[in-house]
Amino acid sequence: MQKFDPIRPFFDSEVNETLQKLIHHPMMKSLMNFSFPEVADEIWKGQLSKTHSIRDFQCNFIYQSVQKVLEKSSDGLSTSGFEKLEKGTSYLFISNHRDILLDTTLLNASLFEHGLVMTASAIGDNLVKKPFLMDLAKLNRNFLVQRGLSPREMLVSSKTLSEYIGHLLLHESRSVWIAQREGRTKDGNDATNPGILKMLAMGSDEENLMDYFKKIKIVPVSISYEYDPTDALKMPQLLAESNNEVYVKEENEDFMTILSGALGQKKHIHIHIGDVLNKTLETIATENENANKQIQAIAQAIDDSILGNYKLWPTNYIAFDIINNSNTYAHKYTDEQKSLFERRLEMRIDKENPVALQHFLCMYANPVVNSQKYMNEYKS
């Protein structure tokens, strides 16, 4: 088990010592004062000092933080599909990815409310370079995906990561969350990278790959935000990529993105839990004997679920109509909603920069385009 030490979250036996170390950290004070604004510092410090497990920390502290985020910066979180999950059962949630921390914390809050197994969640080690963020991530049962490695190091790291995910699911009965591809979706096009599935397959101890995927119970997850609180922050990278330039992040960019994701306006949010893919996997196994074709088919099945169950908001339809200079979806939004979106556009994007304007609108419009494609393919 020591080989997992560089990437694993804290054991419960390590939680209290870590919290004792962090109690007097100014960022912990900020987090607790935000989450418990009417509670004296001595009270939450006393409760933290008596906390000895990740579950207690998540349920008694982080859950309240999530509720405050929703209260202050959204019009609420809605969910669907959780009733299909069985209590006490672990699942591998493969999700589209829009926000660094919120996607997983909102999913876990929903799992907690439904009495289901919460997840260990993958996070890039580049996002938690600051010691406090690293400790907080490990206190929230995040495990590390190592970035910036050489090809040989990446192969070893991927094998360890896949084995750890398999260990969590099959031996600790711990659900796992992982994004459908590396990094957040910045252009609104959610698509599963087959490489993620190939990485997961590296941890298989089954002769038949499809048997392993059935054992780990893959569940696609669709999450959508009416307003992406980090939409404008995604522009520099999109612009660089459109100019075929290498994008280099600023030193505190990830931290500012995390803060903006938590505190920025989101309006409505929806999480949908798709079906466990086991029946689909059986069909794929009978139709394809080639492993690579099976991987491609699974990736497509995940995409079909995520796109087919993605909740479209007025902002998505507004952006589509603006780009296409149409009223195709005018029945999906009000004049007031359109004015609010256009005001946001004016405040966040330089109107003299048509490329940035196009990227911003596409970020919101592409889910509608993808939904149209999915529905047309489904009908055919």
Protein backbone atom coordinates (compact mmCIF):
# COMPACT_ATOMS: atom_id res chain seq x y z
CA MET A 1 0.00 0.00 0.00
CA GLN A 2 2.97 2.36 0.39
CA LYS A 3 3.13 2.83 -3.37
CA PHE A 4 -0.10 4.84 -3.11
CA ASP A 5 1.32 7.23 -0.49
CA PRO A 6 2.35 9.96 -2.99
CA ILE A 7 -1.20 10.27 -4.34
CA ARG A 8 -3.65 9.12 -1.66
CA PRO A 9 -5.77 11.35 0.60
CA PHE A 10 -5.27 11.29 4.34
CA PHE A 11 -6.09 8.23 6.38
CA ASP A 12 -8.53 8.96 9.19
CA SER A 13 -5.65 8.44 11.61
CA GLU A 14 -3.93 11.49 10.06
CA VAL A 15 -6.93 13.82 10.05
CA ASN A 16 -6.83 15.24 13.56
CA GLU A 17 -3.11 16.01 13.51
CA THR A 18 -3.56 17.85 10.20
CA LEU A 19 -6.54 19.83 11.50
CA GLN A 20 -4.62 20.80 14.64
CA LYS A 21 -1.93 22.18 12.34
CA LEU A 22 -4.42 24.10 10.21
CA ILE A 23 -6.70 25.49 12.94
CA HIS A 24 -4.70 28.72 13.19
CA HIS A 25 -4.11 29.12 9.44
CA PRO A 26 -5.66 32.36 8.12
CA MET A 27 -7.26 30.53 5.18
CA MET A 28 -8.94 28.07 7.54
CA LYS A 29 -10.29 31.04 9.49
CA SER A 30 -11.63 32.56 6.26
CA LEU A 31 -13.26 29.25 5.26
CA MET A 32 -14.87 28.75 8.67
CA ASN A 33 -16.01 32.38 9.00
CA PHE A 34 -17.61 32.08 5.56
CA SER A 35 -19.29 28.77 6.44
CA PHE A 36 -20.30 29.68 10.00
CA PRO A 37 -20.60 33.50 10.05
CA GLU A 38 -22.46 33.62 13.37
CA VAL A 39 -20.23 31.14 15.22
CA ALA A 40 -17.38 32.38 17.40
CA ASP A 41 -13.90 31.25 16.36
CA GLU A 42 -13.43 29.37 19.62
CA ILE A 43 -16.47 27.20 18.86
CA TRP A 44 -15.43 25.98 15.40
CA LYS A 45 -11.82 25.61 16.56
CA GLY A 46 -13.05 23.40 19.39
CA GLN A 47 -15.12 21.28 17.02
CA LEU A 48 -12.26 20.94 14.53
CA SER A 49 -9.91 19.85 17.30
CA LYS A 50 -12.33 16.99 18.08
CA THR A 51 -12.65 15.84 14.46
CA HIS A 52 -10.93 12.53 13.68
CA SER A 53 -12.24 11.37 10.29
CA ILE A 54 -12.65 12.64 6.74
CA ARG A 55 -16.37 11.87 6.85
CA ASP A 56 -16.85 13.99 9.98
CA PHE A 57 -14.90 16.86 8.43
CA GLN A 58 -16.91 16.67 5.21
CA CYS A 59 -20.32 16.26 6.84
CA ASN A 60 -19.90 18.74 9.70
CA PHE A 61 -17.85 21.43 8.00
CA ILE A 62 -17.50 21.17 4.19
CA TYR A 63 -21.18 20.36 3.67
CA GLN A 64 -22.03 23.64 5.41
CA SER A 65 -19.48 25.44 3.21
CA VAL A 66 -21.23 24.05 0.12
CA GLN A 67 -24.62 25.24 1.40
CA LYS A 68 -23.22 28.74 1.92
CA VAL A 69 -21.76 28.76 -1.60
CA LEU A 70 -25.16 27.77 -3.01
CA GLU A 71 -26.96 30.33 -0.85
CA LYS A 72 -24.69 33.24 -1.72
CA SER A 73 -23.85 32.61 -5.38
CA SER A 74 -26.61 30.52 -6.95
CA ASP A 75 -30.35 30.12 -7.35
CA GLY A 76 -30.08 26.55 -6.16
CA LEU A 77 -28.93 23.04 -7.06
CA SER A 78 -31.33 20.52 -8.58
CA THR A 79 -30.61 16.82 -9.10
CA SER A 80 -32.00 13.80 -10.91
CA GLY A 81 -31.14 10.13 -11.20
CA PHE A 82 -29.78 9.57 -7.69
CA GLU A 83 -32.67 7.21 -6.93
CA LYS A 84 -31.08 4.67 -9.31
CA LEU A 85 -28.05 4.25 -7.06
CA GLU A 86 -27.97 1.63 -4.31
CA LYS A 87 -26.99 2.54 -0.76
CA GLY A 88 -23.74 1.04 0.43
CA THR A 89 -22.57 0.46 -3.16
CA SER A 90 -19.51 2.05 -4.73
CA TYR A 91 -19.54 3.48 -8.25
CA LEU A 92 -17.07 5.00 -10.67
CA PHE A 93 -18.57 8.36 -11.61
CA ILE A 94 -17.18 9.66 -14.92
CA SER A 95 -18.30 13.25 -15.29
CA ASN A 96 -18.07 16.23 -17.55
CA HIS A 97 -15.94 18.86 -15.81
CA ARG A 98 -16.66 22.57 -15.56
CA ASP A 99 -15.35 23.77 -12.18
CA ILE A 100 -12.16 22.71 -10.38
CA LEU A 101 -13.73 22.04 -6.96
CA LEU A 102 -17.48 22.60 -7.23
CA ASP A 103 -18.22 19.66 -9.54
CA THR A 104 -17.04 17.15 -6.96
CA THR A 105 -18.16 18.97 -3.81
CA LEU A 106 -21.68 19.43 -5.17
CA LEU A 107 -21.82 15.76 -6.21
CA ASN A 108 -20.66 14.66 -2.77
CA ALA A 109 -23.15 16.94 -1.02
CA SER A 110 -25.89 15.34 -3.12
CA LEU A 111 -24.64 11.81 -2.41
CA PHE A 112 -24.58 12.66 1.32
CA GLU A 113 -28.16 13.96 1.19
CA HIS A 114 -29.30 10.76 -0.52
CA GLY A 115 -27.49 8.53 2.00
CA LEU A 116 -25.09 7.18 -0.63
CA VAL A 117 -21.35 6.46 -0.63
CA MET A 118 -19.39 9.67 -1.17
CA THR A 119 -16.44 9.74 -3.52
CA ALA A 120 -12.70 9.88 -3.51
CA SER A 121 -12.03 12.38 -6.28
CA ALA A 122 -9.19 12.88 -8.73
CA ILE A 123 -7.47 16.27 -8.77
CA GLY A 124 -4.40 17.41 -10.70
CA ASP A 125 -1.42 17.95 -8.41
CA ASN A 126 -0.76 21.22 -10.26
CA LEU A 127 -3.92 22.64 -8.67
CA VAL A 128 -2.85 22.11 -5.08
CA LYS A 129 0.73 23.33 -4.95
CA LYS A 130 0.08 25.57 -1.96
CA PRO A 131 0.47 23.51 1.26
CA PHE A 132 -2.90 24.60 2.66
CA LEU A 133 -4.74 23.62 -0.53
CA MET A 134 -2.92 20.28 -0.59
CA ASP A 135 -3.97 19.53 3.00
CA LEU A 136 -7.54 20.66 2.35
CA ALA A 137 -7.75 18.49 -0.77
CA LYS A 138 -6.50 15.42 1.12
CA LEU A 139 -8.94 16.18 3.95
CA ASN A 140 -11.73 16.04 1.35
CA ARG A 141 -10.62 12.65 0.07
CA ASN A 142 -8.99 13.95 -3.10
CA PHE A 143 -6.28 11.81 -4.65
CA LEU A 144 -3.61 13.26 -6.91
CA VAL A 145 -3.23 12.92 -10.66
CA GLN A 146 0.41 13.73 -11.32
CA ARG A 147 1.02 16.23 -14.13
CA GLY A 148 4.06 17.37 -16.10
CA LEU A 149 5.78 13.99 -16.25
CA SER A 150 8.00 12.46 -18.92
CA PRO A 151 6.36 9.74 -21.06
CA ARG A 152 8.08 6.98 -19.04
CA GLU A 153 7.09 8.57 -15.72
CA MET A 154 3.55 9.07 -17.00
CA LEU A 155 3.23 5.36 -17.79
CA VAL A 156 4.28 4.40 -14.24
CA SER A 157 2.06 7.08 -12.73
CA SER A 158 -0.96 6.00 -14.79
CA LYS A 159 -0.50 2.38 -13.70
CA THR A 160 -0.35 3.40 -10.04
CA LEU A 161 -3.36 5.67 -10.44
CA SER A 162 -5.44 2.96 -12.10
CA GLU A 163 -4.50 0.43 -9.43
CA TYR A 164 -5.43 2.91 -6.71
CA ILE A 165 -8.83 3.61 -8.29
CA GLY A 166 -9.47 -0.13 -8.57
CA HIS A 167 -8.39 -0.61 -4.94
CA LEU A 168 -10.81 2.09 -3.75
CA LEU A 169 -13.75 0.71 -5.72
CA LEU A 170 -13.27 -3.01 -5.17
CA HIS A 171 -11.52 -3.30 -1.81
CA GLU A 172 -12.56 -0.21 0.15
CA SER A 173 -16.08 0.04 -1.34
CA ARG A 174 -15.36 3.71 -1.94
CA SER A 175 -16.95 5.50 -4.89
CA VAL A 176 -14.62 7.43 -7.18
CA TRP A 177 -15.10 10.59 -9.26
CA ILE A 178 -12.96 11.24 -12.30
CA ALA A 179 -13.35 13.74 -15.15
CA GLN A 180 -14.07 12.42 -18.64
CA ARG A 181 -10.84 14.05 -19.86
CA GLU A 182 -7.87 15.94 -18.44
CA GLY A 183 -8.77 19.47 -17.38
CA ARG A 184 -12.02 21.37 -17.43
CA THR A 185 -14.13 21.81 -20.55
CA LYS A 186 -13.56 25.40 -21.61
CA ASP A 187 -15.44 25.54 -24.91
CA GLY A 188 -18.69 23.83 -23.92
CA ASN A 189 -17.85 20.65 -25.86
CA ASP A 190 -17.98 17.76 -23.40
CA ALA A 191 -16.22 14.67 -24.81
CA THR A 192 -14.69 11.60 -23.19
CA ASN A 193 -11.02 10.97 -23.88
CA PRO A 194 -10.62 7.21 -24.53
CA GLY A 195 -7.21 7.55 -22.86
CA ILE A 196 -9.01 7.87 -19.52
CA LEU A 197 -10.59 4.46 -20.06
CA LYS A 198 -7.27 2.96 -21.16
CA MET A 199 -5.72 4.28 -17.94
CA LEU A 200 -8.51 2.68 -15.89
CA ALA A 201 -7.98 -0.60 -17.72
CA MET A 202 -4.34 -0.70 -16.57
CA GLY A 203 -5.55 -1.57 -13.06
CA SER A 204 -7.58 -4.56 -14.21
CA ASP A 205 -6.86 -7.99 -12.80
CA GLU A 206 -9.43 -9.57 -15.15
CA GLU A 207 -8.58 -11.40 -18.36
CA ASN A 208 -11.67 -9.87 -19.95
CA LEU A 209 -11.55 -6.07 -19.91
CA MET A 210 -15.34 -5.72 -20.13
CA ASP A 211 -15.76 -7.88 -17.03
CA TYR A 212 -13.54 -5.44 -15.14
CA PHE A 213 -15.49 -2.42 -16.32
CA LYS A 214 -18.70 -4.11 -15.19
CA LYS A 215 -17.20 -4.79 -11.75
CA ILE A 216 -16.30 -1.14 -11.17
CA LYS A 217 -19.82 0.07 -12.18
CA ILE A 218 -19.26 3.06 -14.47
CA VAL A 219 -21.86 5.81 -14.07
CA PRO A 220 -21.81 8.89 -16.34
CA VAL A 221 -22.59 12.21 -14.65
CA SER A 222 -23.83 15.41 -16.32
CA ILE A 223 -23.34 18.72 -14.49
CA SER A 224 -24.40 22.07 -15.88
CA TYR A 225 -24.28 25.65 -14.63
CA GLU A 226 -26.63 28.34 -15.93
CA TYR A 227 -23.76 30.79 -15.61
CA ASP A 228 -20.17 29.55 -15.59
CA PRO A 229 -18.57 31.65 -12.81
CA THR A 230 -15.18 31.26 -14.48
CA ASP A 231 -16.29 31.91 -18.07
CA ALA A 232 -14.18 35.04 -18.59
CA LEU A 233 -11.17 33.41 -16.90
CA LYS A 234 -11.17 30.71 -19.57
CA MET A 235 -10.78 33.24 -22.38
CA PRO A 236 -6.96 33.73 -22.34
CA GLN A 237 -6.31 30.01 -22.84
CA LEU A 238 -8.95 29.72 -25.56
CA LEU A 239 -7.52 32.74 -27.37
CA ALA A 240 -3.97 31.40 -27.14
CA GLU A 241 -5.04 28.03 -28.51
CA SER A 242 -6.94 29.69 -31.39
CA ASN A 243 -3.67 31.44 -32.30
CA ASN A 244 -1.70 28.19 -32.01
CA GLU A 245 0.21 29.63 -29.06
CA VAL A 246 1.36 27.76 -25.96
CA TYR A 247 -0.64 28.98 -22.99
CA VAL A 248 1.31 29.53 -19.76
CA LYS A 249 -0.68 30.02 -16.58
CA GLU A 250 0.10 32.85 -14.20
CA GLU A 251 1.44 31.87 -10.78
CA ASN A 252 -1.83 32.19 -8.81
CA GLU A 253 -4.21 31.55 -11.68
CA ASP A 254 -5.54 28.20 -10.45
CA PHE A 255 -6.16 29.56 -6.96
CA MET A 256 -8.05 32.56 -8.34
CA THR A 257 -10.08 30.23 -10.54
CA ILE A 258 -11.01 28.12 -7.49
CA LEU A 259 -12.13 31.25 -5.62
CA SER A 260 -14.07 32.56 -8.61
CA GLY A 261 -15.76 29.20 -9.05
CA ALA A 262 -16.90 29.17 -5.43
CA LEU A 263 -17.95 32.81 -5.10
CA GLY A 264 -18.94 33.79 -8.66
CA GLN A 265 -22.60 33.89 -9.72
CA LYS A 266 -23.87 30.58 -11.08
CA LYS A 267 -27.67 30.98 -10.94
CA HIS A 268 -29.09 27.44 -11.43
CA ILE A 269 -27.04 24.23 -11.30
CA HIS A 270 -28.13 20.70 -12.17
CA ILE A 271 -26.53 17.29 -11.64
CA HIS A 272 -27.89 14.23 -13.40
CA ILE A 273 -26.81 10.68 -12.60
CA GLY A 274 -26.89 8.42 -15.65
CA ASP A 275 -27.52 4.69 -15.73
CA VAL A 276 -24.85 2.23 -14.66
CA LEU A 277 -23.33 1.17 -17.99
CA ASN A 278 -23.27 -2.58 -17.32
CA LYS A 279 -26.04 -3.47 -19.81
CA THR A 280 -24.42 -1.26 -22.42
CA LEU A 281 -21.08 -2.96 -21.75
CA GLU A 282 -22.64 -6.36 -22.42
CA THR A 283 -23.92 -5.11 -25.77
CA ILE A 284 -20.53 -3.61 -26.64
CA ALA A 285 -18.80 -6.89 -25.74
CA THR A 286 -21.00 -8.88 -28.11
CA GLU A 287 -20.56 -6.38 -30.97
CA ASN A 288 -16.79 -5.76 -30.67
CA GLU A 289 -14.00 -8.21 -29.91
CA ASN A 290 -11.24 -5.65 -30.50
CA ALA A 291 -10.21 -3.94 -27.23
CA ASN A 292 -9.60 -0.55 -28.85
CA LYS A 293 -13.02 -0.60 -30.50
CA GLN A 294 -14.56 -1.54 -27.16
CA ILE A 295 -12.84 1.43 -25.50
CA GLN A 296 -14.10 3.76 -28.24
CA ALA A 297 -17.62 2.39 -27.86
CA ILE A 298 -17.57 2.90 -24.08
CA ALA A 299 -16.36 6.49 -24.53
CA GLN A 300 -19.23 7.06 -26.96
CA ALA A 301 -21.72 5.56 -24.49
CA ILE A 302 -20.47 7.92 -21.78
CA ASP A 303 -20.78 10.86 -24.17
CA ASP A 304 -24.31 9.82 -25.16
CA SER A 305 -25.35 9.76 -21.51
CA ILE A 306 -23.68 13.05 -20.57
CA LEU A 307 -24.99 14.93 -23.63
CA GLY A 308 -28.41 13.28 -23.55
CA ASN A 309 -28.94 14.21 -19.91
CA TYR A 310 -27.24 17.61 -19.88
CA LYS A 311 -29.58 20.30 -18.52
CA LEU A 312 -29.77 23.22 -20.93
CA TRP A 313 -30.44 26.67 -19.45
CA PRO A 314 -31.79 29.91 -20.95
CA THR A 315 -28.19 31.15 -21.24
CA ASN A 316 -27.36 28.29 -23.60
CA TYR A 317 -30.30 29.05 -25.88
CA ILE A 318 -29.65 32.81 -25.78
CA ALA A 319 -26.02 32.34 -26.86
CA PHE A 320 -27.09 29.99 -29.66
CA ASP A 321 -29.58 32.54 -31.00
CA ILE A 322 -27.09 35.42 -30.77
CA ILE A 323 -24.42 33.49 -32.69
CA ASN A 324 -26.88 32.40 -35.36
CA ASN A 325 -28.74 35.74 -35.44
CA SER A 326 -31.94 33.77 -34.99
CA ASN A 327 -35.00 33.40 -32.78
CA THR A 328 -34.93 29.61 -32.98
CA TYR A 329 -35.08 29.19 -29.22
CA ALA A 330 -36.76 32.48 -28.26
CA HIS A 331 -39.49 30.47 -26.51
CA LYS A 332 -36.85 29.10 -24.11
CA TYR A 333 -35.99 32.44 -22.48
CA THR A 334 -37.46 35.83 -21.54
CA ASP A 335 -36.42 39.30 -22.68
CA GLU A 336 -35.13 39.94 -19.16
CA GLN A 337 -32.97 36.81 -19.21
CA LYS A 338 -31.53 37.82 -22.57
CA SER A 339 -30.78 41.35 -21.33
CA LEU A 340 -29.00 39.97 -18.25
CA PHE A 341 -26.87 37.67 -20.41
CA GLU A 342 -26.00 40.48 -22.82
CA ARG A 343 -25.05 42.68 -19.88
CA ARG A 344 -22.74 39.96 -18.57
CA LEU A 345 -21.20 39.70 -22.03
CA GLU A 346 -20.56 43.44 -22.14
CA MET A 347 -18.99 43.46 -18.68
CA ARG A 348 -16.70 40.48 -19.24
CA ILE A 349 -15.65 40.62 -22.89
CA ASP A 350 -14.15 43.45 -24.92
CA LYS A 351 -16.63 44.03 -27.75
CA GLU A 352 -13.73 45.18 -29.92
CA ASN A 353 -12.34 41.64 -29.78
CA PRO A 354 -14.60 39.54 -32.05
CA VAL A 355 -12.59 36.35 -31.47
CA ALA A 356 -13.04 36.56 -27.70
CA LEU A 357 -16.71 37.36 -28.18
CA GLN A 358 -17.13 34.28 -30.37
CA HIS A 359 -15.35 32.03 -27.87
CA PHE A 360 -17.48 33.33 -25.01
CA LEU A 361 -20.73 32.76 -26.88
CA CYS A 362 -19.64 29.31 -28.11
CA MET A 363 -18.89 28.26 -24.54
CA TYR A 364 -22.60 28.66 -23.79
CA ALA A 365 -24.00 27.74 -27.23
CA ASN A 366 -22.07 24.52 -27.89
CA PRO A 367 -24.11 22.43 -25.43
CA VAL A 368 -27.19 23.28 -27.54
CA VAL A 369 -25.36 22.29 -30.74
CA ASN A 370 -24.24 19.04 -29.13
CA SER A 371 -27.75 18.35 -27.87
CA GLN A 372 -29.11 18.83 -31.40
CA LYS A 373 -26.50 16.41 -32.77
CA TYR A 374 -27.27 13.87 -30.07
CA MET A 375 -31.02 14.05 -30.62
CA ASN A 376 -30.63 13.76 -34.41
CA GLU A 377 -28.32 10.75 -34.08
CA TYR A 378 -30.64 9.16 -31.50
CA LYS A 379 -33.65 9.55 -33.81
CA SER A 380 -31.73 8.09 -36.75
